[in-house]
C-alpha atoms as a PDB file:
ATOM      1  CA  UNK A   1     -17.729  -8.188   5.137  1.00  0.00           C
ATOM      2  CA  UNK A   2     -16.207  -4.685   5.040  1.00  0.00           C
ATOM      3  CA  UNK A   3     -14.241  -1.992   3.080  1.00  0.00           C
ATOM      4  CA  UNK A   4     -10.537  -1.008   2.566  1.00  0.00           C
ATOM      5  CA  UNK A   5      -8.986   1.834   0.840  1.00  0.00           C
ATOM      6  CA  UNK A   6      -5.159   1.733   0.020  1.00  0.00           C
ATOM      7  CA  UNK A   7      -3.438   4.820  -1.186  1.00  0.00           C
ATOM      8  CA  UNK A   8      -0.178   4.623  -3.199  1.00  0.00           C
ATOM      9  CA  UNK A   9       1.599   8.196  -3.533  1.00  0.00           C
ATOM     10  CA  UNK A  10       4.454   9.045  -6.182  1.00  0.00           C
ATOM     11  CA  UNK A  11       6.645  12.110  -6.023  1.00  0.00           C
ATOM     12  CA  UNK A  12       6.661  13.633  -9.497  1.00  0.00           C
ATOM     13  CA  UNK A  13       8.673  16.681  -8.818  1.00  0.00           C
ATOM     14  CA  UNK A  14       7.593  20.462  -9.209  1.00  0.00           C
ATOM     15  CA  UNK A  15       5.474  20.219  -6.152  1.00  0.00           C
ATOM     16  CA  UNK A  16       3.313  17.630  -7.649  1.00  0.00           C
ATOM     17  CA  UNK A  17       2.238  14.127  -6.346  1.00  0.00           C
ATOM     18  CA  UNK A  18       0.585  11.436  -8.341  1.00  0.00           C
ATOM     19  CA  UNK A  19      -2.049   9.591  -5.850  1.00  0.00           C
ATOM     20  CA  UNK A  20      -3.455   6.199  -6.847  1.00  0.00           C
ATOM     21  CA  UNK A  21      -6.572   5.270  -5.064  1.00  0.00           C
ATOM     22  CA  UNK A  22      -7.667   1.453  -4.546  1.00  0.00           C
ATOM     23  CA  UNK A  23     -10.930   1.194  -2.887  1.00  0.00           C
ATOM     24  CA  UNK A  24     -12.525  -2.192  -2.227  1.00  0.00           C
ATOM     25  CA  UNK A  25     -15.907  -3.514  -0.725  1.00  0.00           C
ATOM     26  CA  UNK A  26     -16.863  -6.948   0.102  1.00  0.00           C
ATOM     27  CA  UNK A  27     -20.307  -8.349   0.914  1.00  0.00           C
ATOM     28  CA  UNK A  28     -22.338 -11.554   1.083  1.00  0.00           C
ATOM     29  CA  UNK A  29     -24.395 -12.139  -2.119  1.00  0.00           C
ATOM     30  CA  UNK A  30     -26.453 -15.031  -3.503  1.00  0.00           C
ATOM     31  CA  UNK A  31     -29.891 -16.630  -1.862  1.00  0.00           C
ATOM     32  CA  UNK A  32     -30.134 -18.533   1.355  1.00  0.00           C
ATOM     33  CA  UNK A  33     -28.803 -21.837  -0.070  1.00  0.00           C
ATOM     34  CA  UNK A  34     -25.796 -20.637  -1.854  1.00  0.00           C
ATOM     35  CA  UNK A  35     -24.047 -17.518  -0.550  1.00  0.00           C
ATOM     36  CA  UNK A  36     -20.807 -16.193  -1.344  1.00  0.00           C
ATOM     37  CA  UNK A  37     -18.424 -13.331  -0.766  1.00  0.00           C
ATOM     38  CA  UNK A  38     -18.356 -10.708  -3.416  1.00  0.00           C
ATOM     39  CA  UNK A  39     -15.521  -8.221  -3.901  1.00  0.00           C
ATOM     40  CA  UNK A  40     -15.878  -4.848  -5.772  1.00  0.00           C
ATOM     41  CA  UNK A  41     -12.812  -3.052  -6.635  1.00  0.00           C
ATOM     42  CA  UNK A  42     -11.631   0.055  -8.632  1.00  0.00           C
ATOM     43  CA  UNK A  43      -8.779   2.231  -8.993  1.00  0.00           C
ATOM     44  CA  UNK A  44      -7.974   5.646 -10.119  1.00  0.00           C
ATOM     45  CA  UNK A  45      -4.992   8.271 -10.393  1.00  0.00           C
ATOM     46  CA  UNK A  46      -5.346  12.029  -9.647  1.00  0.00           C
ATOM     47  CA  UNK A  47      -2.465  14.439  -9.548  1.00  0.00           C
ATOM     48  CA  UNK A  48      -2.384  16.904  -6.681  1.00  0.00           C
ATOM     49  CA  UNK A  49      -0.185  19.731  -5.465  1.00  0.00           C
ATOM     50  CA  UNK A  50       1.278  19.397  -2.133  1.00  0.00           C
ATOM     51  CA  UNK A  51      -1.175  20.418   0.477  1.00  0.00           C
ATOM     52  CA  UNK A  52      -4.155  20.096  -1.889  1.00  0.00           C
ATOM     53  CA  UNK A  53      -7.453  18.123  -0.805  1.00  0.00           C
ATOM     54  CA  UNK A  54      -9.499  16.371  -3.200  1.00  0.00           C
ATOM     55  CA  UNK A  55     -13.092  14.634  -2.372  1.00  0.00           C
ATOM     56  CA  UNK A  56     -12.799  11.186  -3.414  1.00  0.00           C
ATOM     57  CA  UNK A  57     -16.221   9.978  -2.552  1.00  0.00           C
ATOM     58  CA  UNK A  58     -19.186  10.146  -0.144  1.00  0.00           C
ATOM     59  CA  UNK A  59     -22.285   8.518   1.147  1.00  0.00           C
ATOM     60  CA  UNK A  60     -25.763   9.713   1.944  1.00  0.00           C
ATOM     61  CA  UNK A  61     -27.992   6.884   3.614  1.00  0.00           C
ATOM     62  CA  UNK A  62     -30.580   6.728   6.341  1.00  0.00           C
ATOM     63  CA  UNK A  63     -28.808   3.449   7.737  1.00  0.00           C
ATOM     64  CA  UNK A  64     -26.467   5.539  10.098  1.00  0.00           C
ATOM     65  CA  UNK A  65     -25.599   2.786  12.444  1.00  0.00           C
ATOM     66  CA  UNK A  66     -24.394   0.507   9.200  1.00  0.00           C
ATOM     67  CA  UNK A  67     -22.120   3.358   7.734  1.00  0.00           C
ATOM     68  CA  UNK A  68     -20.748   4.394  11.529  1.00  0.00           C
ATOM     69  CA  UNK A  69     -19.805   0.822  11.968  1.00  0.00           C
ATOM     70  CA  UNK A  70     -18.334   0.524   8.590  1.00  0.00           C
ATOM     71  CA  UNK A  71     -16.437   4.022   8.449  1.00  0.00           C
ATOM     72  CA  UNK A  72     -15.919   5.036  12.222  1.00  0.00           C
ATOM     73  CA  UNK A  73     -17.442   7.338  14.538  1.00  0.00           C
ATOM     74  CA  UNK A  74     -16.674  10.484  12.328  1.00  0.00           C
ATOM     75  CA  UNK A  75     -19.988  10.213  10.571  1.00  0.00           C
ATOM     76  CA  UNK A  76     -22.444  13.106  10.869  1.00  0.00           C
ATOM     77  CA  UNK A  77     -26.088  13.639  10.493  1.00  0.00           C
ATOM     78  CA  UNK A  78     -27.608  16.382   8.418  1.00  0.00           C
ATOM     79  CA  UNK A  79     -31.091  18.274   9.267  1.00  0.00           C
ATOM     80  CA  UNK A  80     -33.233  15.720   7.712  1.00  0.00           C
ATOM     81  CA  UNK A  81     -31.850  12.951   9.639  1.00  0.00           C
ATOM     82  CA  UNK A  82     -29.819  11.300   6.716  1.00  0.00           C
ATOM     83  CA  UNK A  83     -26.275  10.106   7.428  1.00  0.00           C
ATOM     84  CA  UNK A  84     -23.380  11.992   5.561  1.00  0.00           C
ATOM     85  CA  UNK A  85     -20.015  10.529   5.055  1.00  0.00           C
ATOM     86  CA  UNK A  86     -17.643  12.772   3.070  1.00  0.00           C
ATOM     87  CA  UNK A  87     -14.259  11.194   2.181  1.00  0.00           C
ATOM     88  CA  UNK A  88     -11.245  13.437   1.312  1.00  0.00           C
ATOM     89  CA  UNK A  89      -7.527  12.871   0.586  1.00  0.00           C
ATOM     90  CA  UNK A  90      -4.779  15.182   0.984  1.00  0.00           C
ATOM     91  CA  UNK A  91      -1.113  14.844  -0.278  1.00  0.00           C
ATOM     92  CA  UNK A  92       1.762  16.792   1.297  1.00  0.00           C
ATOM     93  CA  UNK A  93       5.433  16.614   0.442  1.00  0.00           C
ATOM     94  CA  UNK A  94       7.410  16.149   3.682  1.00  0.00           C
ATOM     95  CA  UNK A  95      11.101  17.481   3.841  1.00  0.00           C
ATOM     96  CA  UNK A  96      13.458  15.055   5.669  1.00  0.00           C
ATOM     97  CA  UNK A  97      14.515  16.073   9.099  1.00  0.00           C
ATOM     98  CA  UNK A  98      18.546  16.823   9.433  1.00  0.00           C
ATOM     99  CA  UNK A  99      20.093  16.756  12.822  1.00  0.00           C
ATOM    100  CA  UNK A 100      22.171  19.768  13.462  1.00  0.00           C
ATOM    101  CA  UNK A 101      24.793  18.110  15.686  1.00  0.00           C
ATOM    102  CA  UNK A 102      27.107  15.189  14.660  1.00  0.00           C
ATOM    103  CA  UNK A 103      27.638  12.676  17.204  1.00  0.00           C
ATOM    104  CA  UNK A 104      31.531  11.890  17.699  1.00  0.00           C
ATOM    105  CA  UNK A 105      33.184   9.207  19.313  1.00  0.00           C
ATOM    106  CA  UNK A 106      36.784   8.485  20.310  1.00  0.00           C
ATOM    107  CA  UNK A 107      38.587   5.390  19.539  1.00  0.00           C
ATOM    108  CA  UNK A 108      40.598   3.913  22.470  1.00  0.00           C
END
């Protein structure tokens, strides 16, 4: 089982970006005789200025190995031994690259 995070950015103009976030977690549920995969989904929208960061969630738990496997090696521990995962998103408007030289070809 696992988790996924999809992000859909939309440029609104005036240096603003609407960011729609779709997290999903799946896990085994039920008893020993009848187990099934359960999915939990949610979505939300935020509007950010270009370059702005926003915290979208986090986890504090003593099961460091579980969350390290789930979210990757960037997990850190605080002084109490608890595992901490802090998730942020950042939106940035990128300008297109224009080539200074124009290629010319000769026709025969």
